[in-house]
Amino acid sequence: PYFFKMANYYKAKNQFKKATKYYQLAGKLNPADAWIHSGLGDIHVKMGDDTRAVEQYKKAIQLEPDVAWFYFTLGRVYQKEGKINLARKSYEQARRVDPSGIWADDALKDLSEGKK
């Protein structure tokens, strides 16, 4: 938990190199923790590396397919890239996994209105 907490701390401070280092250390101790991959995906998004972000979010989904947030964050990257069909599928999957997650509904509404 220490490395994961430190990674989140540095991510919140926008110190992405340090955050990445701590996520990687956390991943060595617990490679099956999907939230580590989600955190790395967030960092890649902030650093403008959407390809690596997608890879990390997909790993998170593979490890924990019942977490709607992972589908939502993947959808955000696809939407940003203009991959509307993939974004829609991701948001719809997020809604299936967690029907109470209104953020997926809001994202689908944004898509239908053409927002990026």
N, C-alpha and C. Protein backbone atom coordinates (compact mmCIF):
# COMPACT_ATOMS: atom_id res chain seq x y z
N PRO A 1 0.80 -1.21 0.00
CA PRO A 1 0.00 0.00 0.00
C PRO A 1 0.85 1.28 0.00
N TYR A 2 2.05 1.22 0.58
CA TYR A 2 2.88 2.42 0.66
C TYR A 2 3.21 2.96 -0.72
N PHE A 3 3.70 2.10 -1.61
CA PHE A 3 4.09 2.56 -2.94
C PHE A 3 2.89 3.10 -3.71
N PHE A 4 1.76 2.44 -3.57
CA PHE A 4 0.55 2.89 -4.26
C PHE A 4 0.12 4.27 -3.74
N LYS A 5 0.17 4.45 -2.42
CA LYS A 5 -0.19 5.74 -1.84
C LYS A 5 0.76 6.84 -2.30
N MET A 6 2.04 6.52 -2.34
CA MET A 6 3.03 7.51 -2.80
C MET A 6 2.80 7.84 -4.28
N ALA A 7 2.47 6.84 -5.07
CA ALA A 7 2.20 7.07 -6.49
C ALA A 7 1.01 8.01 -6.66
N ASN A 8 -0.04 7.77 -5.91
CA ASN A 8 -1.22 8.64 -5.99
C ASN A 8 -0.90 10.06 -5.51
N TYR A 9 -0.07 10.15 -4.47
CA TYR A 9 0.34 11.46 -3.96
C TYR A 9 1.06 12.26 -5.05
N TYR A 10 2.05 11.63 -5.68
CA TYR A 10 2.82 12.33 -6.71
C TYR A 10 1.99 12.59 -7.97
N LYS A 11 1.06 11.70 -8.27
CA LYS A 11 0.17 11.95 -9.41
C LYS A 11 -0.67 13.19 -9.15
N ALA A 12 -1.18 13.32 -7.93
CA ALA A 12 -1.99 14.49 -7.58
C ALA A 12 -1.17 15.78 -7.63
N LYS A 13 0.12 15.66 -7.41
CA LYS A 13 1.02 16.82 -7.46
C LYS A 13 1.57 17.07 -8.86
N ASN A 14 1.10 16.27 -9.83
CA ASN A 14 1.58 16.36 -11.22
C ASN A 14 3.08 16.11 -11.35
N GLN A 15 3.59 15.28 -10.46
CA GLN A 15 4.99 14.86 -10.54
C GLN A 15 5.00 13.44 -11.12
N PHE A 16 4.86 13.39 -12.43
CA PHE A 16 4.56 12.14 -13.10
C PHE A 16 5.71 11.14 -13.11
N LYS A 17 6.95 11.60 -13.17
CA LYS A 17 8.07 10.66 -13.14
C LYS A 17 8.11 9.92 -11.81
N LYS A 18 7.95 10.66 -10.72
CA LYS A 18 7.95 10.03 -9.40
C LYS A 18 6.74 9.12 -9.24
N ALA A 19 5.60 9.58 -9.70
CA ALA A 19 4.38 8.76 -9.60
C ALA A 19 4.55 7.46 -10.37
N THR A 20 5.11 7.55 -11.57
CA THR A 20 5.32 6.35 -12.39
C THR A 20 6.25 5.38 -11.68
N LYS A 21 7.31 5.91 -11.09
CA LYS A 21 8.26 5.06 -10.37
C LYS A 21 7.56 4.29 -9.25
N TYR A 22 6.73 4.98 -8.49
CA TYR A 22 6.05 4.33 -7.38
C TYR A 22 4.97 3.35 -7.86
N TYR A 23 4.27 3.68 -8.93
CA TYR A 23 3.31 2.71 -9.48
C TYR A 23 4.04 1.45 -9.94
N GLN A 24 5.20 1.63 -10.56
CA GLN A 24 5.95 0.46 -11.03
C GLN A 24 6.43 -0.39 -9.85
N LEU A 25 6.86 0.26 -8.78
CA LEU A 25 7.26 -0.49 -7.58
C LEU A 25 6.05 -1.22 -6.99
N ALA A 26 4.92 -0.56 -6.93
CA ALA A 26 3.70 -1.19 -6.42
C ALA A 26 3.32 -2.38 -7.30
N GLY A 27 3.49 -2.22 -8.60
CA GLY A 27 3.16 -3.29 -9.54
C GLY A 27 4.04 -4.51 -9.38
N LYS A 28 5.29 -4.30 -9.00
CA LYS A 28 6.18 -5.44 -8.77
C LYS A 28 5.72 -6.24 -7.56
N LEU A 29 5.20 -5.55 -6.56
CA LEU A 29 4.72 -6.24 -5.36
C LEU A 29 3.35 -6.86 -5.55
N ASN A 30 2.53 -6.22 -6.38
CA ASN A 30 1.17 -6.71 -6.58
C ASN A 30 0.77 -6.55 -8.05
N PRO A 31 1.29 -7.43 -8.91
CA PRO A 31 1.05 -7.28 -10.35
C PRO A 31 -0.42 -7.45 -10.76
N ALA A 32 -1.24 -8.01 -9.90
CA ALA A 32 -2.65 -8.23 -10.24
C ALA A 32 -3.55 -7.09 -9.77
N ASP A 33 -2.96 -5.98 -9.32
CA ASP A 33 -3.75 -4.84 -8.86
C ASP A 33 -4.12 -3.96 -10.04
N ALA A 34 -5.36 -4.01 -10.43
CA ALA A 34 -5.84 -3.26 -11.60
C ALA A 34 -5.73 -1.76 -11.40
N TRP A 35 -5.84 -1.30 -10.15
CA TRP A 35 -5.79 0.14 -9.89
C TRP A 35 -4.42 0.73 -10.18
N ILE A 36 -3.39 -0.08 -10.10
CA ILE A 36 -2.05 0.38 -10.47
C ILE A 36 -2.03 0.71 -11.96
N HIS A 37 -2.60 -0.16 -12.76
CA HIS A 37 -2.64 0.08 -14.21
C HIS A 37 -3.52 1.28 -14.53
N SER A 38 -4.60 1.43 -13.80
CA SER A 38 -5.46 2.59 -14.00
C SER A 38 -4.70 3.88 -13.69
N GLY A 39 -3.95 3.87 -12.61
CA GLY A 39 -3.15 5.04 -12.25
C GLY A 39 -2.11 5.37 -13.30
N LEU A 40 -1.46 4.34 -13.82
CA LEU A 40 -0.48 4.56 -14.90
C LEU A 40 -1.18 5.10 -16.14
N GLY A 41 -2.37 4.59 -16.42
CA GLY A 41 -3.13 5.12 -17.55
C GLY A 41 -3.43 6.59 -17.38
N ASP A 42 -3.80 6.99 -16.16
CA ASP A 42 -4.07 8.40 -15.89
C ASP A 42 -2.83 9.27 -16.16
N ILE A 43 -1.69 8.77 -15.74
CA ILE A 43 -0.44 9.52 -15.95
C ILE A 43 -0.15 9.65 -17.44
N HIS A 44 -0.32 8.57 -18.17
CA HIS A 44 -0.06 8.63 -19.62
C HIS A 44 -0.99 9.62 -20.30
N VAL A 45 -2.24 9.68 -19.86
CA VAL A 45 -3.18 10.66 -20.43
C VAL A 45 -2.65 12.07 -20.17
N LYS A 46 -2.25 12.33 -18.94
CA LYS A 46 -1.78 13.67 -18.58
C LYS A 46 -0.49 14.04 -19.32
N MET A 47 0.29 13.03 -19.68
CA MET A 47 1.53 13.28 -20.40
C MET A 47 1.33 13.26 -21.92
N GLY A 48 0.09 13.02 -22.35
CA GLY A 48 -0.22 13.06 -23.78
C GLY A 48 0.09 11.78 -24.54
N ASP A 49 0.29 10.69 -23.82
CA ASP A 49 0.60 9.41 -24.46
C ASP A 49 -0.65 8.52 -24.41
N ASP A 50 -1.57 8.80 -25.31
CA ASP A 50 -2.85 8.09 -25.30
C ASP A 50 -2.70 6.61 -25.61
N THR A 51 -1.74 6.25 -26.45
CA THR A 51 -1.54 4.84 -26.80
C THR A 51 -1.20 4.03 -25.56
N ARG A 52 -0.28 4.52 -24.76
CA ARG A 52 0.09 3.80 -23.54
C ARG A 52 -1.03 3.85 -22.51
N ALA A 53 -1.77 4.94 -22.49
CA ALA A 53 -2.92 5.02 -21.58
C ALA A 53 -3.93 3.93 -21.90
N VAL A 54 -4.24 3.78 -23.17
CA VAL A 54 -5.19 2.74 -23.59
C VAL A 54 -4.69 1.36 -23.17
N GLU A 55 -3.40 1.11 -23.35
CA GLU A 55 -2.83 -0.18 -22.95
C GLU A 55 -3.04 -0.43 -21.46
N GLN A 56 -2.78 0.59 -20.65
CA GLN A 56 -2.91 0.43 -19.20
C GLN A 56 -4.36 0.24 -18.77
N TYR A 57 -5.26 1.01 -19.36
CA TYR A 57 -6.68 0.85 -19.01
C TYR A 57 -7.19 -0.53 -19.43
N LYS A 58 -6.73 -1.02 -20.57
CA LYS A 58 -7.14 -2.36 -21.00
C LYS A 58 -6.61 -3.43 -20.05
N LYS A 59 -5.38 -3.24 -19.54
CA LYS A 59 -4.85 -4.18 -18.55
C LYS A 59 -5.69 -4.15 -17.29
N ALA A 60 -6.08 -2.96 -16.87
CA ALA A 60 -6.92 -2.84 -15.68
C ALA A 60 -8.24 -3.58 -15.88
N ILE A 61 -8.84 -3.41 -17.05
CA ILE A 61 -10.10 -4.09 -17.36
C ILE A 61 -9.92 -5.60 -17.38
N GLN A 62 -8.81 -6.04 -17.94
CA GLN A 62 -8.54 -7.47 -18.00
C GLN A 62 -8.44 -8.05 -16.58
N LEU A 63 -7.84 -7.31 -15.67
CA LEU A 63 -7.66 -7.79 -14.30
C LEU A 63 -8.95 -7.70 -13.48
N GLU A 64 -9.71 -6.63 -13.70
CA GLU A 64 -10.95 -6.42 -12.94
C GLU A 64 -12.05 -5.92 -13.88
N PRO A 65 -12.68 -6.84 -14.59
CA PRO A 65 -13.69 -6.43 -15.58
C PRO A 65 -14.98 -5.88 -14.98
N ASP A 66 -15.13 -5.94 -13.68
CA ASP A 66 -16.36 -5.46 -13.05
C ASP A 66 -16.22 -4.07 -12.45
N VAL A 67 -15.19 -3.33 -12.86
CA VAL A 67 -15.02 -1.96 -12.38
C VAL A 67 -15.39 -1.01 -13.51
N ALA A 68 -16.51 -0.36 -13.38
CA ALA A 68 -17.03 0.52 -14.43
C ALA A 68 -16.08 1.68 -14.73
N TRP A 69 -15.40 2.16 -13.72
CA TRP A 69 -14.52 3.32 -13.90
C TRP A 69 -13.45 3.06 -14.97
N PHE A 70 -12.97 1.83 -15.05
CA PHE A 70 -11.93 1.52 -16.04
C PHE A 70 -12.46 1.68 -17.46
N TYR A 71 -13.68 1.25 -17.68
CA TYR A 71 -14.29 1.42 -19.01
C TYR A 71 -14.51 2.90 -19.32
N PHE A 72 -14.92 3.63 -18.29
CA PHE A 72 -15.16 5.06 -18.47
C PHE A 72 -13.88 5.79 -18.86
N THR A 73 -12.79 5.53 -18.14
CA THR A 73 -11.54 6.23 -18.45
C THR A 73 -11.02 5.83 -19.82
N LEU A 74 -11.20 4.58 -20.20
CA LEU A 74 -10.83 4.15 -21.54
C LEU A 74 -11.66 4.89 -22.58
N GLY A 75 -12.94 5.03 -22.31
CA GLY A 75 -13.82 5.76 -23.22
C GLY A 75 -13.42 7.22 -23.38
N ARG A 76 -12.96 7.83 -22.29
CA ARG A 76 -12.52 9.23 -22.38
C ARG A 76 -11.35 9.38 -23.34
N VAL A 77 -10.42 8.43 -23.29
CA VAL A 77 -9.27 8.51 -24.20
C VAL A 77 -9.74 8.33 -25.64
N TYR A 78 -10.59 7.34 -25.86
CA TYR A 78 -11.10 7.13 -27.22
C TYR A 78 -11.85 8.37 -27.71
N GLN A 79 -12.64 8.98 -26.85
CA GLN A 79 -13.38 10.17 -27.24
C GLN A 79 -12.42 11.30 -27.61
N LYS A 80 -11.40 11.48 -26.81
CA LYS A 80 -10.41 12.52 -27.07
C LYS A 80 -9.72 12.30 -28.42
N GLU A 81 -9.51 11.02 -28.75
CA GLU A 81 -8.86 10.68 -30.02
C GLU A 81 -9.82 10.73 -31.21
N GLY A 82 -11.10 10.96 -30.94
CA GLY A 82 -12.09 10.99 -32.01
C GLY A 82 -12.58 9.61 -32.43
N LYS A 83 -12.29 8.60 -31.64
CA LYS A 83 -12.73 7.23 -31.91
C LYS A 83 -14.09 7.03 -31.24
N ILE A 84 -15.09 7.62 -31.86
CA ILE A 84 -16.41 7.74 -31.25
C ILE A 84 -17.07 6.38 -31.00
N ASN A 85 -16.98 5.46 -31.94
CA ASN A 85 -17.60 4.15 -31.75
C ASN A 85 -16.97 3.40 -30.59
N LEU A 86 -15.64 3.45 -30.48
CA LEU A 86 -14.97 2.79 -29.36
C LEU A 86 -15.32 3.48 -28.04
N ALA A 87 -15.40 4.79 -28.06
CA ALA A 87 -15.78 5.53 -26.85
C ALA A 87 -17.19 5.13 -26.42
N ARG A 88 -18.10 5.09 -27.37
CA ARG A 88 -19.49 4.73 -27.05
C ARG A 88 -19.55 3.32 -26.45
N LYS A 89 -18.84 2.38 -27.05
CA LYS A 89 -18.84 1.01 -26.53
C LYS A 89 -18.29 0.96 -25.10
N SER A 90 -17.25 1.73 -24.85
CA SER A 90 -16.66 1.76 -23.50
C SER A 90 -17.64 2.34 -22.49
N TYR A 91 -18.27 3.45 -22.85
CA TYR A 91 -19.24 4.07 -21.94
C TYR A 91 -20.44 3.17 -21.70
N GLU A 92 -20.90 2.51 -22.75
CA GLU A 92 -22.03 1.59 -22.60
C GLU A 92 -21.67 0.42 -21.69
N GLN A 93 -20.44 -0.07 -21.81
CA GLN A 93 -20.00 -1.15 -20.93
C GLN A 93 -19.91 -0.65 -19.49
N ALA A 94 -19.44 0.57 -19.30
CA ALA A 94 -19.39 1.15 -17.95
C ALA A 94 -20.80 1.20 -17.36
N ARG A 95 -21.76 1.59 -18.17
CA ARG A 95 -23.14 1.67 -17.70
C ARG A 95 -23.70 0.29 -17.37
N ARG A 96 -23.34 -0.72 -18.17
CA ARG A 96 -23.81 -2.09 -17.88
C ARG A 96 -23.23 -2.59 -16.56
N VAL A 97 -21.96 -2.30 -16.34
CA VAL A 97 -21.30 -2.77 -15.12
C VAL A 97 -21.85 -2.04 -13.89
N ASP A 98 -22.10 -0.74 -14.04
CA ASP A 98 -22.62 0.05 -12.92
C ASP A 98 -23.74 0.97 -13.41
N PRO A 99 -24.96 0.46 -13.42
CA PRO A 99 -26.09 1.26 -13.92
C PRO A 99 -26.32 2.56 -13.14
N SER A 100 -25.81 2.64 -11.92
CA SER A 100 -26.00 3.86 -11.12
C SER A 100 -24.95 4.93 -11.44
N GLY A 101 -23.96 4.60 -12.26
CA GLY A 101 -22.91 5.56 -12.59
C GLY A 101 -23.37 6.57 -13.62
N ILE A 102 -23.87 7.70 -13.14
CA ILE A 102 -24.43 8.71 -14.05
C ILE A 102 -23.36 9.34 -14.93
N TRP A 103 -22.11 9.23 -14.54
CA TRP A 103 -21.02 9.79 -15.35
C TRP A 103 -20.97 9.12 -16.71
N ALA A 104 -21.31 7.85 -16.80
CA ALA A 104 -21.33 7.17 -18.11
C ALA A 104 -22.47 7.73 -18.96
N ASP A 105 -23.61 7.99 -18.33
CA ASP A 105 -24.74 8.59 -19.05
C ASP A 105 -24.37 9.99 -19.56
N ASP A 106 -23.70 10.76 -18.70
CA ASP A 106 -23.27 12.10 -19.11
C ASP A 106 -22.29 12.03 -20.28
N ALA A 107 -21.38 11.06 -20.24
CA ALA A 107 -20.41 10.92 -21.32
C ALA A 107 -21.10 10.52 -22.63
N LEU A 108 -22.07 9.63 -22.54
CA LEU A 108 -22.82 9.25 -23.74
C LEU A 108 -23.60 10.44 -24.30
N LYS A 109 -24.13 11.27 -23.43
CA LYS A 109 -24.83 12.47 -23.87
C LYS A 109 -23.86 13.42 -24.58
N ASP A 110 -22.68 13.59 -24.00
CA ASP A 110 -21.66 14.44 -24.64
C ASP A 110 -21.31 13.92 -26.03
N LEU A 111 -21.20 12.59 -26.14
CA LEU A 111 -20.89 11.99 -27.45
C LEU A 111 -21.99 12.32 -28.46
N SER A 112 -23.23 12.17 -28.02
CA SER A 112 -24.34 12.42 -28.94
C SER A 112 -24.42 13.89 -29.35
N GLU A 113 -23.85 14.76 -28.52
CA GLU A 113 -23.83 16.20 -28.83
C GLU A 113 -22.56 16.61 -29.57
N GLY A 114 -21.70 15.63 -29.82
CA GLY A 114 -20.48 15.90 -30.57
C GLY A 114 -19.36 16.54 -29.77
N LYS A 115 -19.41 16.45 -28.45
CA LYS A 115 -18.36 17.04 -27.61
C LYS A 115 -17.17 16.10 -27.53
N LYS A 116 -15.98 16.70 -27.41
CA LYS A 116 -14.76 15.90 -27.25
C LYS A 116 -14.23 16.00 -25.86
